Each structure stands twice: as C-alpha cells, then as structure tokens.
Amino acid sequence: MPEKPEMTKCILCCTDFSENAARAFDFALDAALRRKACRLYLLHVIPEPESQFWRTYIYGADINVDEKAKRDLDAKVNSEYHAKVPEHLDFKVEFRIGKEQQKILEFAKEVQADLIVLGRQGKGTLSKIFFGSVAQVIVRRAKCPVLVVPPQK
C-alpha cells in the first residue's frame, strides 16, 4: 500500500499569553514535531482598542513605546515559546492588530493552515451570549480542522 501524503503541513497556534494558550502550544508543537516538513506558526492578535489605549497612555512618557512593546513581546515569546522549539522545526512568530477572530481567520487563510490550535478560556456564560468566544467563532468559520484545548481544572 502506498504511503499517505502528510495532511498537515502548516499548523497555526494562537496565543493570548495565558496559561491555557501555553498549554495549547504544547499540543501544537507535539503535532508539528510528528509531521515531516511541517511549519508551526505562533500568532498573537493585539486588540485594536487595547493597542490604541496603551499608545495614548504611554506616549507621554520619555520612552519609545513601539520599541518597548516590541521588546516586551519578543521577551515573552522567547521565554515561553522559543525555548520549547527544537532548532530543526520551521517555527515562525507573527503579530497582528485587530479583532481576534477576524485576524486569526485571515492569517489561517493567508498561510493555508491545515490545523488551528487554540486554548479555550473559561469566561462566563453571559460574556459568551453577548460576545461569543474566540474559540466558538473560529470553530464555526474556519476552513480547516480546529483543535480547542480546554483549561485544566
């Protein structure tokens, strides 16, 4: 019988830097390491209103806000994610600004993701009714399989 081609060549893991997002990354990393020539993307979406608030708030200080924010994000990614990834794995980190659901789906399409991995947050029912969760929207609208990792209890 001929060998099956790899179905998963590109895995997208989304992070909000929460504990559960780090747990979801472990699942994504494991999946990527089990596949030949698989690329693993780590995506963090910065909500537009939050980024605008912080820019406005901090610009009064005597520091370059964009450079400090970039250094902080890079340090977080290096300590929490890069440290876990073996050198041989094709690993890319991306940032976007905007609405999380929209940016995740756009990026997944852009890189032709075969799998999206994200951690579900334990937000309350009322919040889900009015806003929906990022995970719910991604599961409903994604064009590829989605692995949603629940919080540990």
N, C-alpha and C. Protein backbone atom coordinates (compact mmCIF):
# COMPACT_ATOMS: atom_id res chain seq x y z
N MET A 1 0.85 -1.17 0.00
CA MET A 1 0.00 0.00 0.00
C MET A 1 0.90 1.24 0.00
N PRO A 2 0.59 2.25 -0.86
CA PRO A 2 1.43 3.46 -0.90
C PRO A 2 1.27 4.27 0.38
N GLU A 3 2.34 4.98 0.71
CA GLU A 3 2.33 5.82 1.91
C GLU A 3 1.42 7.02 1.70
N LYS A 4 0.63 7.35 2.72
CA LYS A 4 -0.27 8.51 2.63
C LYS A 4 0.55 9.79 2.70
N PRO A 5 0.18 10.79 1.89
CA PRO A 5 0.88 12.08 2.00
C PRO A 5 0.52 12.75 3.32
N GLU A 6 1.42 13.57 3.81
CA GLU A 6 1.15 14.30 5.04
C GLU A 6 -0.03 15.25 4.83
N MET A 7 -1.03 15.15 5.67
CA MET A 7 -2.19 16.02 5.56
C MET A 7 -1.93 17.37 6.21
N THR A 8 -1.05 17.41 7.18
CA THR A 8 -0.82 18.63 7.93
C THR A 8 0.58 19.14 7.66
N LYS A 9 0.67 20.21 6.90
CA LYS A 9 1.96 20.83 6.58
C LYS A 9 2.13 22.17 7.29
N CYS A 10 1.02 22.74 7.76
CA CYS A 10 1.07 24.06 8.37
C CYS A 10 0.10 24.11 9.55
N ILE A 11 0.66 24.34 10.74
CA ILE A 11 -0.15 24.42 11.95
C ILE A 11 -0.08 25.84 12.48
N LEU A 12 -1.23 26.39 12.80
CA LEU A 12 -1.32 27.73 13.37
C LEU A 12 -1.76 27.62 14.82
N CYS A 13 -0.94 28.10 15.72
CA CYS A 13 -1.28 28.13 17.14
C CYS A 13 -1.47 29.59 17.54
N CYS A 14 -2.60 29.87 18.17
CA CYS A 14 -2.92 31.24 18.56
C CYS A 14 -2.67 31.40 20.06
N THR A 15 -2.10 32.54 20.44
CA THR A 15 -1.83 32.77 21.85
C THR A 15 -2.30 34.13 22.31
N ASP A 16 -2.77 34.17 23.54
CA ASP A 16 -3.04 35.43 24.22
C ASP A 16 -2.11 35.53 25.43
N PHE A 17 -1.12 34.64 25.47
CA PHE A 17 -0.12 34.55 26.53
C PHE A 17 -0.70 34.09 27.86
N SER A 18 -1.88 33.49 27.83
CA SER A 18 -2.46 32.92 29.05
C SER A 18 -1.84 31.56 29.32
N GLU A 19 -2.11 31.04 30.50
CA GLU A 19 -1.61 29.72 30.87
C GLU A 19 -2.16 28.66 29.92
N ASN A 20 -3.44 28.79 29.58
CA ASN A 20 -4.04 27.79 28.70
C ASN A 20 -3.55 27.91 27.26
N ALA A 21 -3.18 29.09 26.83
CA ALA A 21 -2.60 29.25 25.49
C ALA A 21 -1.24 28.54 25.43
N ALA A 22 -0.48 28.62 26.50
CA ALA A 22 0.81 27.91 26.56
C ALA A 22 0.57 26.40 26.51
N ARG A 23 -0.48 25.95 27.16
CA ARG A 23 -0.84 24.52 27.13
C ARG A 23 -1.24 24.11 25.71
N ALA A 24 -2.01 24.95 25.04
CA ALA A 24 -2.40 24.66 23.65
C ALA A 24 -1.18 24.60 22.75
N PHE A 25 -0.19 25.47 23.02
CA PHE A 25 1.04 25.46 22.23
C PHE A 25 1.74 24.11 22.34
N ASP A 26 1.73 23.51 23.52
CA ASP A 26 2.35 22.20 23.70
C ASP A 26 1.71 21.17 22.77
N PHE A 27 0.39 21.22 22.60
CA PHE A 27 -0.30 20.32 21.69
C PHE A 27 0.10 20.61 20.24
N ALA A 28 0.16 21.88 19.88
CA ALA A 28 0.54 22.27 18.52
C ALA A 28 1.97 21.85 18.22
N LEU A 29 2.86 22.06 19.16
CA LEU A 29 4.26 21.69 18.99
C LEU A 29 4.39 20.18 18.81
N ASP A 30 3.70 19.41 19.62
CA ASP A 30 3.73 17.96 19.51
C ASP A 30 3.25 17.52 18.12
N ALA A 31 2.16 18.11 17.66
CA ALA A 31 1.63 17.76 16.33
C ALA A 31 2.62 18.12 15.23
N ALA A 32 3.25 19.27 15.33
CA ALA A 32 4.22 19.70 14.31
C ALA A 32 5.44 18.79 14.29
N LEU A 33 5.90 18.37 15.45
CA LEU A 33 7.08 17.51 15.52
C LEU A 33 6.82 16.11 14.98
N ARG A 34 5.56 15.71 14.94
CA ARG A 34 5.20 14.38 14.43
C ARG A 34 5.05 14.35 12.91
N ARG A 35 5.17 15.49 12.27
CA ARG A 35 4.98 15.57 10.82
C ARG A 35 6.24 16.06 10.14
N LYS A 36 6.52 15.47 9.00
CA LYS A 36 7.70 15.87 8.22
C LYS A 36 7.44 17.21 7.57
N ALA A 37 8.42 18.05 7.58
CA ALA A 37 8.38 19.35 6.89
C ALA A 37 7.15 20.18 7.25
N CYS A 38 6.77 20.14 8.51
CA CYS A 38 5.62 20.92 8.96
C CYS A 38 6.11 22.27 9.49
N ARG A 39 5.40 23.32 9.14
CA ARG A 39 5.69 24.65 9.66
C ARG A 39 4.70 24.96 10.78
N LEU A 40 5.22 25.52 11.86
CA LEU A 40 4.39 25.90 13.00
C LEU A 40 4.43 27.42 13.14
N TYR A 41 3.25 28.03 13.08
CA TYR A 41 3.12 29.47 13.29
C TYR A 41 2.56 29.72 14.68
N LEU A 42 3.08 30.73 15.34
CA LEU A 42 2.51 31.23 16.59
C LEU A 42 1.98 32.63 16.27
N LEU A 43 0.70 32.84 16.52
CA LEU A 43 0.07 34.12 16.21
C LEU A 43 -0.50 34.75 17.47
N HIS A 44 -0.16 36.01 17.69
CA HIS A 44 -0.76 36.79 18.77
C HIS A 44 -1.45 37.99 18.15
N VAL A 45 -2.74 38.15 18.46
CA VAL A 45 -3.50 39.28 17.96
C VAL A 45 -3.70 40.28 19.09
N ILE A 46 -3.27 41.51 18.84
CA ILE A 46 -3.42 42.58 19.82
C ILE A 46 -4.72 43.31 19.47
N PRO A 47 -5.68 43.32 20.39
CA PRO A 47 -6.94 44.01 20.10
C PRO A 47 -6.70 45.49 19.80
N GLU A 48 -7.32 45.99 18.77
CA GLU A 48 -7.15 47.38 18.34
C GLU A 48 -7.44 48.39 19.45
N PRO A 49 -8.59 48.31 20.13
CA PRO A 49 -8.85 49.30 21.19
C PRO A 49 -7.77 49.28 22.27
N GLU A 50 -7.29 48.10 22.64
CA GLU A 50 -6.27 47.99 23.68
C GLU A 50 -4.97 48.64 23.20
N SER A 51 -4.59 48.39 21.96
CA SER A 51 -3.33 48.96 21.47
C SER A 51 -3.43 50.48 21.39
N GLN A 52 -4.59 51.00 21.01
CA GLN A 52 -4.76 52.44 20.92
C GLN A 52 -4.72 53.08 22.30
N PHE A 53 -5.36 52.43 23.28
CA PHE A 53 -5.35 52.95 24.65
C PHE A 53 -3.93 53.04 25.16
N TRP A 54 -3.17 51.96 25.02
CA TRP A 54 -1.81 51.95 25.57
C TRP A 54 -0.92 52.95 24.86
N ARG A 55 -1.06 53.10 23.58
CA ARG A 55 -0.24 54.08 22.86
C ARG A 55 -0.53 55.49 23.39
N THR A 56 -1.80 55.79 23.54
CA THR A 56 -2.20 57.11 24.03
C THR A 56 -1.69 57.33 25.45
N TYR A 57 -1.84 56.32 26.28
CA TYR A 57 -1.46 56.42 27.68
C TYR A 57 0.05 56.58 27.85
N ILE A 58 0.81 55.83 27.09
CA ILE A 58 2.26 55.78 27.31
C ILE A 58 3.02 56.84 26.52
N TYR A 59 2.47 57.37 25.46
CA TYR A 59 3.23 58.32 24.64
C TYR A 59 3.70 59.54 25.42
N GLY A 60 3.06 59.85 26.53
CA GLY A 60 3.51 60.97 27.34
C GLY A 60 4.84 60.71 28.02
N ALA A 61 5.22 59.45 28.14
CA ALA A 61 6.48 59.09 28.79
C ALA A 61 7.65 59.34 27.84
N ASP A 62 8.86 59.35 28.39
CA ASP A 62 10.06 59.60 27.60
C ASP A 62 10.68 58.34 27.02
N ILE A 63 9.86 57.38 26.62
CA ILE A 63 10.39 56.16 26.02
C ILE A 63 9.72 55.93 24.68
N ASN A 64 10.38 55.22 23.83
CA ASN A 64 9.79 54.86 22.56
C ASN A 64 8.84 53.69 22.81
N VAL A 65 7.54 53.95 22.76
CA VAL A 65 6.53 52.97 23.11
C VAL A 65 6.59 51.75 22.21
N ASP A 66 6.70 51.98 20.91
CA ASP A 66 6.70 50.86 19.98
C ASP A 66 7.89 49.94 20.23
N GLU A 67 9.04 50.49 20.49
CA GLU A 67 10.23 49.67 20.74
C GLU A 67 10.12 48.91 22.06
N LYS A 68 9.60 49.57 23.10
CA LYS A 68 9.43 48.89 24.38
C LYS A 68 8.41 47.76 24.25
N ALA A 69 7.30 48.02 23.59
CA ALA A 69 6.27 46.99 23.41
C ALA A 69 6.84 45.81 22.62
N LYS A 70 7.61 46.10 21.59
CA LYS A 70 8.21 45.04 20.79
C LYS A 70 9.19 44.21 21.63
N ARG A 71 10.03 44.89 22.41
CA ARG A 71 10.97 44.17 23.28
C ARG A 71 10.23 43.28 24.28
N ASP A 72 9.15 43.81 24.86
CA ASP A 72 8.38 43.04 25.84
C ASP A 72 7.74 41.80 25.19
N LEU A 73 7.15 41.99 24.01
CA LEU A 73 6.55 40.85 23.30
C LEU A 73 7.60 39.82 22.91
N ASP A 74 8.72 40.30 22.38
CA ASP A 74 9.79 39.39 21.98
C ASP A 74 10.32 38.59 23.17
N ALA A 75 10.48 39.25 24.31
CA ALA A 75 10.96 38.57 25.52
C ALA A 75 9.97 37.50 25.96
N LYS A 76 8.69 37.81 25.91
CA LYS A 76 7.66 36.85 26.31
C LYS A 76 7.66 35.64 25.37
N VAL A 77 7.73 35.90 24.07
CA VAL A 77 7.75 34.81 23.09
C VAL A 77 9.00 33.96 23.27
N ASN A 78 10.14 34.60 23.47
CA ASN A 78 11.39 33.84 23.64
C ASN A 78 11.36 32.96 24.88
N SER A 79 10.89 33.50 25.98
CA SER A 79 10.91 32.73 27.22
C SER A 79 9.83 31.65 27.26
N GLU A 80 8.65 31.92 26.73
CA GLU A 80 7.54 30.98 26.84
C GLU A 80 7.39 30.04 25.66
N TYR A 81 7.91 30.41 24.50
CA TYR A 81 7.67 29.60 23.30
C TYR A 81 8.95 29.14 22.61
N HIS A 82 9.81 30.08 22.21
CA HIS A 82 11.03 29.70 21.50
C HIS A 82 11.85 28.68 22.28
N ALA A 83 11.87 28.80 23.58
CA ALA A 83 12.67 27.90 24.41
C ALA A 83 12.24 26.44 24.27
N LYS A 84 10.99 26.20 23.89
CA LYS A 84 10.46 24.84 23.76
C LYS A 84 10.69 24.23 22.38
N VAL A 85 11.02 25.06 21.39
CA VAL A 85 11.04 24.61 19.99
C VAL A 85 12.44 24.16 19.58
N PRO A 86 12.56 22.91 19.11
CA PRO A 86 13.87 22.45 18.61
C PRO A 86 14.28 23.24 17.36
N GLU A 87 15.57 23.39 17.18
CA GLU A 87 16.09 24.20 16.06
C GLU A 87 15.65 23.69 14.70
N HIS A 88 15.46 22.38 14.55
CA HIS A 88 15.13 21.84 13.23
C HIS A 88 13.70 22.14 12.78
N LEU A 89 12.83 22.56 13.70
CA LEU A 89 11.43 22.83 13.34
C LEU A 89 11.31 24.20 12.70
N ASP A 90 10.54 24.27 11.62
CA ASP A 90 10.25 25.53 10.94
C ASP A 90 9.20 26.28 11.77
N PHE A 91 9.65 27.25 12.54
CA PHE A 91 8.79 27.95 13.50
C PHE A 91 8.82 29.44 13.22
N LYS A 92 7.64 30.03 13.06
CA LYS A 92 7.51 31.45 12.76
C LYS A 92 6.56 32.09 13.77
N VAL A 93 6.88 33.32 14.17
CA VAL A 93 6.04 34.07 15.09
C VAL A 93 5.49 35.29 14.36
N GLU A 94 4.20 35.51 14.49
CA GLU A 94 3.54 36.63 13.82
C GLU A 94 2.66 37.39 14.81
N PHE A 95 2.53 38.69 14.58
CA PHE A 95 1.65 39.55 15.38
C PHE A 95 0.72 40.28 14.42
N ARG A 96 -0.51 40.48 14.85
CA ARG A 96 -1.47 41.27 14.09
C ARG A 96 -2.21 42.15 15.08
N ILE A 97 -2.77 43.24 14.58
CA ILE A 97 -3.59 44.13 15.40
C ILE A 97 -4.99 44.15 14.81
N GLY A 98 -5.99 43.94 15.66
CA GLY A 98 -7.37 43.97 15.20
C GLY A 98 -8.24 43.05 16.03
N LYS A 99 -9.37 42.69 15.45
CA LYS A 99 -10.32 41.80 16.12
C LYS A 99 -9.79 40.36 16.03
N GLU A 100 -9.66 39.71 17.18
CA GLU A 100 -9.01 38.40 17.25
C GLU A 100 -9.56 37.41 16.23
N GLN A 101 -10.87 37.20 16.23
CA GLN A 101 -11.47 36.20 15.35
C GLN A 101 -11.14 36.49 13.89
N GLN A 102 -11.32 37.73 13.50
CA GLN A 102 -11.09 38.12 12.10
C GLN A 102 -9.64 37.92 11.70
N LYS A 103 -8.71 38.37 12.54
CA LYS A 103 -7.28 38.28 12.21
C LYS A 103 -6.79 36.83 12.19
N ILE A 104 -7.31 36.00 13.09
CA ILE A 104 -6.92 34.59 13.10
C ILE A 104 -7.37 33.92 11.82
N LEU A 105 -8.62 34.14 11.43
CA LEU A 105 -9.15 33.52 10.22
C LEU A 105 -8.43 34.04 8.97
N GLU A 106 -8.14 35.32 8.92
CA GLU A 106 -7.41 35.88 7.78
C GLU A 106 -6.01 35.28 7.68
N PHE A 107 -5.33 35.18 8.82
CA PHE A 107 -3.98 34.65 8.81
C PHE A 107 -3.97 33.17 8.44
N ALA A 108 -4.94 32.42 8.96
CA ALA A 108 -5.03 30.99 8.63
C ALA A 108 -5.19 30.81 7.12
N LYS A 109 -5.98 31.66 6.51
CA LYS A 109 -6.17 31.59 5.05
C LYS A 109 -4.87 31.99 4.33
N GLU A 110 -4.24 33.04 4.80
CA GLU A 110 -3.01 33.55 4.19
C GLU A 110 -1.90 32.48 4.16
N VAL A 111 -1.73 31.74 5.24
CA VAL A 111 -0.66 30.74 5.30
C VAL A 111 -1.14 29.34 4.92
N GLN A 112 -2.41 29.24 4.56
CA GLN A 112 -3.02 27.96 4.18
C GLN A 112 -2.85 26.93 5.30
N ALA A 113 -3.26 27.34 6.51
CA ALA A 113 -3.15 26.47 7.67
C ALA A 113 -3.99 25.21 7.48
N ASP A 114 -3.42 24.08 7.86
CA ASP A 114 -4.12 22.80 7.82
C ASP A 114 -4.77 22.48 9.16
N LEU A 115 -4.32 23.18 10.20
CA LEU A 115 -4.84 22.96 11.55
C LEU A 115 -4.65 24.25 12.35
N ILE A 116 -5.69 24.62 13.09
CA ILE A 116 -5.60 25.77 14.01
C ILE A 116 -5.72 25.20 15.42
N VAL A 117 -4.80 25.61 16.29
CA VAL A 117 -4.82 25.16 17.68
C VAL A 117 -4.94 26.40 18.57
N LEU A 118 -5.89 26.36 19.49
CA LEU A 118 -6.03 27.47 20.43
C LEU A 118 -6.60 26.98 21.74
N GLY A 119 -6.30 27.72 22.77
CA GLY A 119 -6.81 27.38 24.10
C GLY A 119 -8.12 28.10 24.35
N ARG A 120 -9.06 27.37 24.93
CA ARG A 120 -10.35 27.97 25.31
C ARG A 120 -10.19 28.59 26.68
N GLN A 121 -10.73 29.76 26.83
CA GLN A 121 -10.69 30.43 28.13
C GLN A 121 -11.99 30.17 28.87
N GLY A 122 -11.94 30.18 30.17
CA GLY A 122 -13.11 29.87 30.98
C GLY A 122 -13.94 31.09 31.30
N LYS A 123 -14.36 31.83 30.30
CA LYS A 123 -15.18 33.02 30.56
C LYS A 123 -16.62 32.62 30.85
N GLY A 124 -17.33 33.51 31.50
CA GLY A 124 -18.69 33.24 31.93
C GLY A 124 -19.69 33.13 30.79
N THR A 125 -20.83 32.52 31.09
CA THR A 125 -21.89 32.31 30.11
C THR A 125 -22.43 33.62 29.57
N LEU A 126 -22.61 34.62 30.42
CA LEU A 126 -23.14 35.90 29.98
C LEU A 126 -22.24 36.54 28.92
N SER A 127 -20.95 36.47 29.13
CA SER A 127 -20.00 37.01 28.16
C SER A 127 -20.14 36.30 26.82
N LYS A 128 -20.29 34.97 26.85
CA LYS A 128 -20.41 34.19 25.62
C LYS A 128 -21.70 34.54 24.87
N ILE A 129 -22.78 34.76 25.61
CA ILE A 129 -24.07 35.09 24.98
C ILE A 129 -23.97 36.40 24.22
N PHE A 130 -23.37 37.41 24.81
CA PHE A 130 -23.33 38.73 24.18
C PHE A 130 -22.20 38.87 23.16
N PHE A 131 -21.08 38.24 23.41
CA PHE A 131 -19.92 38.46 22.55
C PHE A 131 -19.47 37.23 21.80
N GLY A 132 -19.77 36.03 22.29
CA GLY A 132 -19.24 34.81 21.70
C GLY A 132 -17.77 34.70 22.07
N SER A 133 -17.26 33.50 22.10
CA SER A 133 -15.85 33.35 22.42
C SER A 133 -15.06 33.26 21.13
N VAL A 134 -13.79 33.58 21.22
CA VAL A 134 -12.91 33.48 20.05
C VAL A 134 -12.94 32.04 19.54
N ALA A 135 -12.82 31.08 20.44
CA ALA A 135 -12.81 29.67 20.04
C ALA A 135 -14.09 29.29 19.30
N GLN A 136 -15.24 29.73 19.80
CA GLN A 136 -16.51 29.39 19.14
C GLN A 136 -16.56 29.93 17.72
N VAL A 137 -16.14 31.15 17.54
CA VAL A 137 -16.17 31.76 16.20
C VAL A 137 -15.21 31.05 15.26
N ILE A 138 -14.01 30.74 15.74
CA ILE A 138 -13.02 30.07 14.90
C ILE A 138 -13.53 28.69 14.49
N VAL A 139 -14.08 27.94 15.43
CA VAL A 139 -14.61 26.61 15.12
C VAL A 139 -15.71 26.69 14.06
N ARG A 140 -16.58 27.68 14.17
CA ARG A 140 -17.68 27.81 13.22
C ARG A 140 -17.22 28.25 11.83
N ARG A 141 -16.21 29.10 11.76
CA ARG A 141 -15.86 29.72 10.48
C ARG A 141 -14.59 29.22 9.80
N ALA A 142 -13.78 28.48 10.52
CA ALA A 142 -12.50 28.03 9.94
C ALA A 142 -12.73 27.07 8.78
N LYS A 143 -11.82 27.12 7.82
CA LYS A 143 -11.89 26.24 6.64
C LYS A 143 -11.03 24.99 6.83
N CYS A 144 -10.43 24.83 8.01
CA CYS A 144 -9.59 23.68 8.31
C CYS A 144 -9.97 23.17 9.69
N PRO A 145 -9.48 21.99 10.07
CA PRO A 145 -9.75 21.49 11.42
C PRO A 145 -9.23 22.45 12.51
N VAL A 146 -9.92 22.44 13.63
CA VAL A 146 -9.54 23.29 14.76
C VAL A 146 -9.46 22.41 16.01
N LEU A 147 -8.35 22.53 16.72
CA LEU A 147 -8.18 21.84 17.99
C LEU A 147 -8.32 22.89 19.10
N VAL A 148 -9.35 22.74 19.93
CA VAL A 148 -9.59 23.66 21.03
C VAL A 148 -9.20 22.94 22.32
N VAL A 149 -8.25 23.51 23.03
CA VAL A 149 -7.74 22.91 24.25
C VAL A 149 -8.44 23.57 25.44
N PRO A 150 -9.19 22.77 26.23
CA PRO A 150 -9.88 23.36 27.39
C PRO A 150 -8.91 23.65 28.52
N PRO A 151 -9.31 24.55 29.42
CA PRO A 151 -8.45 24.83 30.58
C PRO A 151 -8.35 23.59 31.48
N GLN A 152 -7.21 23.44 32.13
CA GLN A 152 -7.07 22.35 33.10
C GLN A 152 -7.79 22.74 34.36
N LYS A 153 -8.35 21.76 35.02
CA LYS A 153 -9.07 22.05 36.26
C LYS A 153 -8.24 21.70 37.44
